[in-house]
Protein backbone atom coordinates (compact mmCIF):
# COMPACT_ATOMS: atom_id res chain seq x y z
CA MET A 1 -27.49 21.84 26.36
CA ALA A 2 -24.49 19.05 25.30
CA TRP A 3 -25.52 17.23 22.06
CA LEU A 4 -23.48 15.18 19.70
CA GLU A 5 -24.64 15.08 15.47
CA CYS A 6 -24.03 11.81 13.99
CA LEU A 7 -22.60 12.63 10.32
CA GLY A 8 -21.28 9.31 9.53
CA ALA A 9 -20.31 6.16 10.57
CA SER A 10 -24.04 5.57 11.99
CA ARG A 11 -25.02 2.04 11.25
CA GLU A 12 -22.38 1.33 9.26
CA VAL A 13 -18.76 1.03 8.85
CA GLY A 14 -16.96 3.93 7.25
CA ARG A 15 -17.18 7.94 7.40
CA SER A 16 -16.79 8.60 11.05
CA ALA A 17 -17.37 12.38 11.57
CA PHE A 18 -19.36 13.99 14.83
CA LEU A 19 -20.26 17.26 15.53
CA LEU A 20 -20.42 17.36 19.52
CA GLN A 21 -21.53 20.63 21.71
CA THR A 22 -20.06 21.43 24.51
CA ASP A 23 -19.34 25.54 24.89
CA ARG A 24 -17.63 24.64 21.24
CA GLN A 25 -19.14 23.12 18.30
CA ILE A 26 -16.57 20.20 18.49
CA LEU A 27 -16.07 17.67 15.32
CA LEU A 28 -14.86 14.59 16.19
CA ASP A 29 -13.21 12.88 13.05
CA TYR A 30 -13.96 13.59 9.47
CA GLY A 31 -13.71 10.39 7.45
CA VAL A 32 -14.60 8.80 3.37
CA LYS A 33 -17.01 5.48 3.42
CA ILE A 34 -14.40 4.28 -0.04
CA PHE A 35 -16.06 0.76 -0.42
CA ASP A 36 -19.82 1.49 -0.74
CA PRO A 37 -22.03 -0.89 -2.50
CA SER A 38 -23.31 1.97 -4.80
CA GLY A 39 -19.65 2.38 -6.26
CA THR A 40 -19.30 5.76 -5.42
CA PRO A 41 -17.32 6.90 -2.19
CA LYS A 42 -19.69 8.07 0.43
CA PHE A 43 -19.07 11.18 2.62
CA PRO A 44 -20.55 13.29 5.54
CA SER A 45 -22.55 16.32 5.67
CA GLU A 46 -20.30 19.33 4.32
CA ASN A 47 -23.21 21.73 5.68
CA ILE A 48 -21.19 22.27 9.19
CA ARG A 49 -19.12 25.34 10.34
CA PRO A 50 -17.57 23.53 13.67
CA ASP A 51 -14.72 25.55 16.19
CA LEU A 52 -12.29 23.56 15.85
CA MET A 53 -11.14 19.26 15.12
CA LEU A 54 -10.50 16.42 16.85
CA LEU A 55 -8.55 13.43 14.78
CA SER A 56 -8.62 10.31 16.36
CA HIS A 57 -6.04 8.46 14.28
CA ALA A 58 -5.21 8.43 10.22
CA HIS A 59 -7.13 6.04 8.20
CA LEU A 60 -9.18 7.27 5.38
CA ASP A 61 -12.29 6.10 7.23
CA HIS A 62 -11.48 8.67 9.80
CA SER A 63 -9.36 11.46 8.05
CA GLY A 64 -10.21 11.28 4.92
CA PHE A 65 -12.60 14.26 4.70
CA VAL A 66 -10.38 16.98 6.38
CA PRO A 67 -9.29 18.80 4.04
CA ALA A 68 -13.03 19.48 2.33
CA LEU A 69 -13.25 21.52 5.97
CA TYR A 70 -10.91 24.12 4.06
CA LYS A 71 -13.07 25.18 1.80
CA HIS A 72 -14.78 27.29 3.95
CA SER A 73 -12.92 27.53 6.99
CA LYS A 74 -9.15 27.92 8.39
CA ILE A 75 -10.37 26.15 12.17
CA LYS A 76 -7.65 24.37 13.75
CA TRP A 77 -7.30 20.97 13.87
CA PHE A 78 -6.02 18.34 16.49
CA ALA A 79 -4.01 15.46 16.40
CA THR A 80 -0.74 13.54 17.39
CA PRO A 81 2.35 13.88 15.00
CA PRO A 82 2.40 11.12 13.40
CA THR A 83 -1.15 10.83 12.35
CA GLU A 84 -0.68 14.35 10.96
CA GLU A 85 2.34 13.11 8.90
CA ILE A 86 1.02 9.72 7.64
CA CYS A 87 -2.57 11.88 6.66
CA GLU A 88 -0.53 14.02 4.44
CA VAL A 89 0.56 11.04 2.83
CA LEU A 90 -2.91 9.10 2.49
CA TRP A 91 -4.60 12.46 1.60
CA LEU A 92 -2.30 13.01 -1.63
CA ASP A 93 -2.80 9.45 -2.94
CA SER A 94 -6.39 9.41 -2.20
CA MET A 95 -6.54 12.78 -4.16
CA LYS A 96 -5.10 10.74 -7.27
CA ILE A 97 -7.50 7.45 -6.93
CA MET A 98 -10.55 9.32 -6.23
CA GLU A 99 -10.00 12.42 -8.37
CA LYS A 100 -13.34 12.58 -9.89
CA ASN A 101 -14.99 12.05 -6.69
CA LEU A 102 -13.08 13.70 -4.13
CA PRO A 103 -14.93 17.00 -3.69
CA TYR A 104 -11.49 19.13 -2.39
CA ARG A 105 -8.51 20.02 -4.49
CA LEU A 106 -4.71 20.71 -3.58
CA ASN A 107 -5.12 24.71 -2.03
CA HIS A 108 -8.28 22.67 0.35
CA PHE A 109 -5.04 20.10 1.45
CA LYS A 110 -2.58 22.90 1.74
CA LYS A 111 -5.23 24.79 4.13
CA ALA A 112 -5.40 21.51 6.59
CA THR A 113 -1.62 20.90 6.77
CA ARG A 114 -1.29 24.58 7.75
CA ASN A 115 -4.04 24.59 10.33
CA PHE A 116 -2.37 21.03 12.25
CA HIS A 117 -1.69 21.54 15.87
CA PRO A 118 0.23 18.67 17.81
CA ILE A 119 -0.33 16.95 20.98
CA LEU A 120 0.52 13.99 22.82
CA TYR A 121 -0.70 11.60 24.48
CA ASN A 122 -1.84 12.45 28.29
CA LYS A 123 -1.03 16.21 28.19
CA PRO A 124 -5.09 17.72 28.75
CA PHE A 125 -5.30 20.97 26.74
CA HIS A 126 -8.15 23.23 26.76
CA VAL A 127 -10.65 24.49 23.97
CA GLY A 128 -12.47 27.36 26.00
CA GLU A 129 -14.19 25.80 29.02
CA THR A 130 -13.73 21.95 27.35
CA GLU A 131 -10.44 20.14 28.46
CA VAL A 132 -9.16 17.33 26.32
CA VAL A 133 -7.19 14.76 26.92
CA PHE A 134 -6.14 12.18 23.86
CA THR A 135 -4.51 8.77 25.27
CA ASP A 136 -3.34 5.56 23.19
CA ALA A 137 -5.52 3.64 21.46
CA GLY A 138 -3.22 0.98 20.83
CA HIS A 139 -4.72 0.75 17.48
CA ILE A 140 -2.12 2.12 14.68
CA SER A 141 1.00 4.97 15.27
CA GLY A 142 -0.63 7.75 17.01
CA ALA A 143 -4.40 7.00 17.23
CA ALA A 144 -5.88 8.01 20.43
CA ILE A 145 -8.86 7.75 22.32
CA ILE A 146 -10.43 11.36 23.01
CA THR A 147 -11.70 12.29 26.63
CA LEU A 148 -13.26 15.42 26.84
CA GLU A 149 -14.82 17.06 30.39
CA TYR A 150 -17.56 19.96 30.35
CA LYS A 151 -19.24 20.59 33.16
CA GLU A 152 -18.82 18.03 35.16
CA LYS A 153 -19.75 15.56 32.10
CA ARG A 154 -16.63 12.90 31.20
CA ILE A 155 -17.43 11.87 27.58
CA CYS A 156 -14.78 9.52 25.89
CA TYR A 157 -14.67 9.16 21.86
CA THR A 158 -13.33 5.64 20.97
CA GLY A 159 -11.69 5.91 17.68
CA ASP A 160 -10.74 2.77 17.02
CA PHE A 161 -9.33 0.58 19.76
CA LYS A 162 -7.80 -2.20 21.05
CA ILE A 163 -6.45 -3.69 24.26
CA GLU A 164 -4.65 -6.32 23.17
CA GLU A 165 -1.35 -6.35 22.79
CA THR A 166 0.05 -6.98 19.72
CA GLU A 167 3.51 -7.19 18.37
CA LEU A 168 3.79 -3.01 16.83
CA HIS A 169 1.57 -1.37 20.02
CA LYS A 170 1.17 -2.02 23.77
CA GLY A 171 -2.68 -1.91 23.26
CA ALA A 172 -5.52 0.72 25.11
CA LYS A 173 -6.03 1.40 28.34
CA THR A 174 -9.43 1.99 29.47
CA VAL A 175 -11.43 5.04 30.98
CA GLY A 176 -12.74 5.03 34.17
CA ASP A 177 -15.97 7.40 35.35
CA VAL A 178 -17.21 8.24 32.15
CA ASP A 179 -20.42 10.21 32.02
CA ILE A 180 -21.13 9.51 27.86
CA LEU A 181 -18.91 6.93 26.08
CA ILE A 182 -19.17 7.11 22.04
CA ILE A 183 -17.50 3.65 21.28
CA GLU A 184 -16.97 1.50 18.09
CA SER A 185 -18.72 -1.46 17.62
CA THR A 186 -17.13 -3.29 14.40
CA TYR A 187 -16.99 -6.54 16.30
CA ALA A 188 -19.12 -6.65 18.81
CA ASP A 189 -20.78 -10.44 18.01
CA ARG A 190 -17.55 -11.54 18.47
CA ASN A 191 -13.98 -11.99 19.12
CA HIS A 192 -10.88 -12.33 17.30
CA PRO A 193 -8.48 -15.51 17.71
CA PRO A 194 -6.09 -14.90 20.23
CA ARG A 195 -2.42 -13.15 18.58
CA GLY A 196 0.26 -15.85 19.76
CA GLU A 197 -1.77 -18.40 18.10
CA LEU A 198 -2.68 -16.53 14.54
CA GLU A 199 1.23 -15.61 14.67
CA ARG A 200 2.78 -19.29 14.88
CA GLN A 201 -0.33 -20.45 12.29
CA LEU A 202 1.00 -17.63 9.91
CA ILE A 203 4.79 -18.71 10.10
CA ALA A 204 3.45 -22.58 10.20
CA GLU A 205 1.83 -21.27 6.55
CA ILE A 206 5.35 -19.27 5.27
CA ASP A 207 7.44 -21.91 6.53
CA GLU A 208 4.89 -24.78 4.44
CA THR A 209 4.95 -22.93 0.77
CA VAL A 210 8.24 -21.72 1.27
CA ASP A 211 9.64 -25.13 2.09
CA ASN A 212 7.82 -25.57 -1.21
CA GLY A 213 9.58 -23.42 -3.43
CA GLY A 214 6.25 -20.70 -3.57
CA SER A 215 5.80 -17.44 -2.56
CA VAL A 216 3.39 -15.90 0.18
CA LEU A 217 1.40 -13.25 -1.18
CA MET A 218 0.32 -10.66 1.75
CA PRO A 219 -2.28 -8.41 0.48
CA ALA A 220 -1.80 -5.23 3.54
CA PHE A 221 -3.26 -2.83 4.19
CA SER A 222 -0.46 -0.10 3.83
CA LEU A 223 -1.38 1.84 7.05
CA GLY A 224 -0.44 -0.26 10.00
CA ARG A 225 -1.29 -4.12 9.11
CA THR A 226 1.23 -4.20 6.90
CA GLN A 227 4.04 -2.92 9.90
CA GLU A 228 3.28 -5.37 12.42
CA ILE A 229 2.73 -8.32 9.32
CA ILE A 230 6.79 -7.30 9.01
CA SER A 231 7.33 -7.92 12.51
CA VAL A 232 5.54 -10.44 12.83
CA ILE A 233 7.24 -12.71 10.53
CA ARG A 234 10.89 -11.40 11.86
CA LYS A 235 9.94 -12.28 15.65
CA TYR A 236 9.82 -15.81 14.35
CA ASP A 237 12.01 -15.66 11.46
CA ARG A 238 15.00 -13.89 10.70
CA GLY A 239 15.81 -15.53 7.43
CA VAL A 240 13.13 -15.85 4.72
CA PRO A 241 13.05 -13.22 2.06
CA VAL A 242 10.60 -10.35 2.68
CA PHE A 243 9.50 -7.69 -0.25
CA VAL A 244 7.30 -4.78 0.81
CA ASP A 245 5.37 -3.11 -2.16
CA GLY A 246 2.99 -0.12 -2.49
CA MET A 247 2.62 2.55 0.36
CA GLY A 248 3.35 0.69 3.37
CA LYS A 249 7.01 1.44 2.38
CA GLU A 250 6.76 4.78 2.80
CA LEU A 251 4.44 4.94 5.47
CA SER A 252 7.12 2.24 7.59
CA LYS A 253 9.58 5.07 7.73
CA ILE A 254 7.04 7.05 8.86
CA TYR A 255 6.72 4.92 12.07
CA LEU A 256 10.09 4.93 12.47
CA LYS A 257 10.42 8.78 12.63
CA TYR A 258 8.04 8.86 15.41
CA PRO A 259 9.58 5.78 18.13
CA GLY A 260 7.68 6.71 21.53
CA TYR A 261 4.45 6.21 19.51
CA LEU A 262 5.67 1.89 19.22
CA LYS A 263 6.13 -0.43 21.91
CA ASN A 264 10.14 -1.14 20.63
CA ALA A 265 11.32 0.84 17.90
CA LYS A 266 14.52 -1.05 17.90
CA SER A 267 13.44 -4.23 17.32
CA PHE A 268 10.73 -2.46 14.51
CA ARG A 269 14.11 -0.74 12.80
CA LYS A 270 15.80 -4.14 12.55
CA ALA A 271 13.07 -6.00 11.10
CA LEU A 272 12.61 -2.73 8.56
CA GLU A 273 16.14 -2.82 7.56
CA SER A 274 16.05 -6.59 6.87
CA VAL A 275 13.42 -6.39 4.06
CA THR A 276 13.26 -5.21 0.62
CA LEU A 277 11.78 -2.05 0.19
CA VAL A 278 10.77 -3.02 -3.61
CA SER A 279 11.74 -0.05 -5.80
CA SER A 280 12.45 -1.01 -9.48
CA ILE A 281 11.00 -3.57 -12.11
CA GLN A 282 14.23 -6.05 -11.47
CA GLU A 283 13.41 -6.25 -7.46
CA ARG A 284 9.57 -7.09 -8.51
CA LYS A 285 10.77 -9.74 -10.61
CA ARG A 286 13.02 -11.03 -8.59
CA ALA A 287 10.46 -11.13 -5.59
CA THR A 288 8.33 -13.85 -7.77
CA SER A 289 11.23 -15.35 -8.40
CA ILE A 290 12.74 -16.75 -4.84
CA PRO A 291 10.61 -18.47 -2.57
CA GLY A 292 9.77 -15.95 0.09
CA VAL A 293 7.32 -13.10 1.49
CA ILE A 294 5.20 -10.44 -0.54
CA ILE A 295 3.37 -8.11 1.72
CA SER A 296 1.73 -5.70 -0.92
CA SER A 297 -1.15 -3.18 -1.13
CA ALA A 298 -4.20 -2.99 -1.73
CA GLY A 299 -4.81 -4.92 1.82
CA MET A 300 -8.85 -5.80 -0.16
CA MET A 301 -6.84 -6.10 -3.52
CA SER A 302 -8.20 -2.83 -5.07
CA GLY A 303 -5.82 -1.54 -6.47
CA GLY A 304 -1.85 -1.18 -5.83
CA PRO A 305 1.28 -3.91 -7.22
CA VAL A 306 -0.52 -6.71 -5.62
CA LEU A 307 -2.47 -7.51 -8.26
CA GLU A 308 0.43 -7.54 -10.74
CA TYR A 309 2.61 -10.31 -8.12
CA LEU A 310 -1.14 -12.10 -8.28
CA PHE A 311 -0.25 -13.41 -11.67
CA ASN A 312 3.31 -13.30 -11.28
CA VAL A 313 3.78 -15.93 -8.41
CA ASN A 314 4.12 -19.84 -9.29
CA ASN A 315 2.16 -22.25 -8.62
CA GLU A 316 3.47 -23.44 -5.32
CA SER A 317 2.23 -19.80 -3.62
CA LYS A 318 -0.15 -19.11 -1.68
CA ILE A 319 -2.55 -15.50 -0.67
CA ILE A 320 -2.90 -14.61 2.80
CA PHE A 321 -5.45 -12.28 3.82
CA THR A 322 -4.83 -10.83 7.69
CA GLY A 323 -7.28 -8.23 7.59
CA TYR A 324 -11.11 -7.76 6.44
CA SER A 325 -12.52 -7.20 2.90
CA VAL A 326 -15.59 -5.46 1.86
CA GLU A 327 -18.12 -7.58 -0.34
CA GLY A 328 -17.34 -6.06 -3.50
CA THR A 329 -13.92 -5.71 -3.04
CA ASN A 330 -11.35 -8.10 -5.40
CA GLY A 331 -10.29 -9.68 -1.95
CA TRP A 332 -13.95 -10.75 -1.08
CA ARG A 333 -14.78 -12.00 -4.34
CA LEU A 334 -11.31 -14.15 -3.84
CA LEU A 335 -12.20 -15.32 -0.79
CA ASN A 336 -15.88 -16.09 -1.67
CA GLU A 337 -16.02 -16.88 -5.23
CA GLY A 338 -12.24 -17.44 -5.97
CA HIS A 339 -11.88 -15.02 -8.90
CA ILE A 340 -11.24 -11.71 -9.26
CA ALA A 341 -12.40 -8.41 -11.53
CA LYS A 342 -9.75 -6.59 -13.26
CA ASP A 343 -10.56 -4.21 -16.30
CA GLY A 344 -13.95 -5.60 -16.85
CA GLN A 345 -13.19 -9.41 -16.66
CA GLU A 346 -13.92 -11.74 -14.53
CA LEU A 347 -10.34 -13.69 -13.68
CA ALA A 348 -9.84 -17.43 -12.27
CA VAL A 349 -7.34 -17.37 -9.35
CA ASP A 350 -6.09 -20.83 -8.84
CA LEU A 351 -4.59 -20.35 -5.93
CA PRO A 352 -4.77 -21.84 -2.13
CA VAL A 353 -6.51 -18.66 -0.24
CA GLU A 354 -6.81 -18.17 3.67
CA TYR A 355 -7.97 -15.56 5.96
CA LEU A 356 -5.73 -14.71 9.40
CA ASP A 357 -8.01 -12.09 11.57
CA PHE A 358 -5.13 -10.28 12.02
CA SER A 359 -7.57 -7.28 12.83
CA ALA A 360 -6.27 -3.94 15.05
CA HIS A 361 -9.98 -3.36 16.33
CA ALA A 362 -10.95 -4.63 19.47
CA GLY A 363 -13.09 -7.37 19.75
CA ARG A 364 -15.92 -8.34 21.71
CA ASN A 365 -14.57 -8.78 25.21
CA ASP A 366 -12.72 -5.95 24.67
CA LEU A 367 -15.91 -3.69 23.97
CA LEU A 368 -17.17 -5.47 27.17
CA LYS A 369 -13.83 -4.88 29.47
CA PHE A 370 -13.96 -0.85 27.96
CA ILE A 371 -17.80 -0.60 28.76
CA LYS A 372 -17.44 -1.65 32.25
CA ASP A 373 -14.50 0.13 33.27
CA ALA A 374 -16.01 3.27 32.22
CA ASN A 375 -19.65 2.33 33.61
CA PRO A 376 -21.67 4.93 31.88
CA GLU A 377 -24.89 6.81 31.94
CA LYS A 378 -25.10 7.12 28.16
CA ILE A 379 -23.68 4.61 25.58
CA VAL A 380 -23.52 5.74 21.72
CA LEU A 381 -22.75 2.40 20.04
CA ILE A 382 -21.00 3.82 16.17
CA HIS A 383 -18.68 2.39 13.22
CA GLY A 384 -20.71 -1.53 13.04
CA ASP A 385 -22.90 -2.73 10.87
CA HIS A 386 -25.55 -4.00 12.76
CA PRO A 387 -24.82 -1.39 16.53
CA GLU A 388 -28.77 -1.87 17.24
CA ILE A 389 -28.22 -5.55 18.44
CA PHE A 390 -25.75 -4.77 20.67
CA ALA A 391 -27.17 -1.73 21.83
CA GLU A 392 -30.38 -3.99 22.27
CA GLU A 393 -28.43 -6.68 24.50
CA LEU A 394 -26.41 -4.02 26.31
CA SER A 395 -29.53 -2.47 27.57
CA ARG A 396 -31.66 -6.21 27.90
CA GLU A 397 -28.67 -8.22 29.83
CA PHE A 398 -26.21 -5.09 31.55
CA GLY A 399 -28.90 -2.46 32.38
CA TYR A 400 -27.33 0.29 30.55
CA ASP A 401 -28.85 3.11 28.79
CA ALA A 402 -27.49 2.20 25.14
CA VAL A 403 -28.20 3.76 21.85
CA ALA A 404 -27.21 3.15 17.59
CA PRO A 405 -28.07 6.21 16.34
CA LEU A 406 -29.16 6.67 13.10
CA LEU A 407 -27.55 9.32 10.28
CA GLY A 408 -28.11 12.29 10.92
CA GLU A 409 -29.66 11.85 14.07
CA ARG A 410 -29.09 14.31 17.04
CA ILE A 411 -28.63 12.40 20.53
CA GLU A 412 -29.14 14.92 23.66
CA LEU A 413 -26.44 14.26 26.16
């Protein structure tokens, strides 16, 4: 009997972790929920002993708890080559930031890196009697949709995916003839604006601000979004000064190490060579002293160099968010209340602030297309704040057997 146990990302976004029983116990992702209303990170259960782990991609809400597995085991884990190298950077960083709250240490991290096994897209492999194949998820470099076949049952775990093409990625292909579909539902209630329209709006905002002598400060996720925004800006404007700061610098270099995971690696290399990767106090000062664009972590303004830039740009400047900010973060406060919190104080920010939805997730239409093409017997909706609403709609309007499991629930497949 196959079953799925939901250890995280069940009626929530964050800490994706699912235990799939075939002839092996297979862990699908093992992430953390960094931005929780409680103020402390949330982790999936450690009371598991899987036979192996399959990792869809490197974002911490999918990968951030993997080293904790190596407190008790030496199991193999499988992911694409860029995913593993990016994970190393993110895990080391999170160990510094969450030192008091993170229940694993450097020796567990090292053990994890030693037990990694690389997997390429579209190359099936077996774990026991279960066949596994990774396909491009179109989300970030190395992200994979994971499809498993066991005893004539075909199970698809999407991780995070995007069908619409972006500047860096061609977009995911749907998977057909699925029996069980375990699918993210982050944006089940809405579509994202057309990407071309967003790109032109961003460039118009940059042109206007720079012409007025200001800086466009862009808090950006270090992984995926920083690289996409660099590419978009250079697609339209080769001349505007662009400064990149934070962990996005290191991750951009890893992107270039794996050109086969990009739509056009040559174009991205050219774009990256044309920007300033900030590496000194002098370069930070220069970034705020001339009109241009500053792309800096953290994307939700929860830390990183972006806060330093915020208080050093001139009054003609503008702040543009390109990603979602969780409630309670500085990004959310700035977008909704016009201030941020720093060193226990509320600080007003008297600059225009905008949000452009450059999400790397599937919007509603993408989700519906994936579901239609998969034509599954059963749909398990995960990684969403209110997936039960979408489950009810899929059941009522389309006749699917759709469920939105609770945390800790076990579903027979």
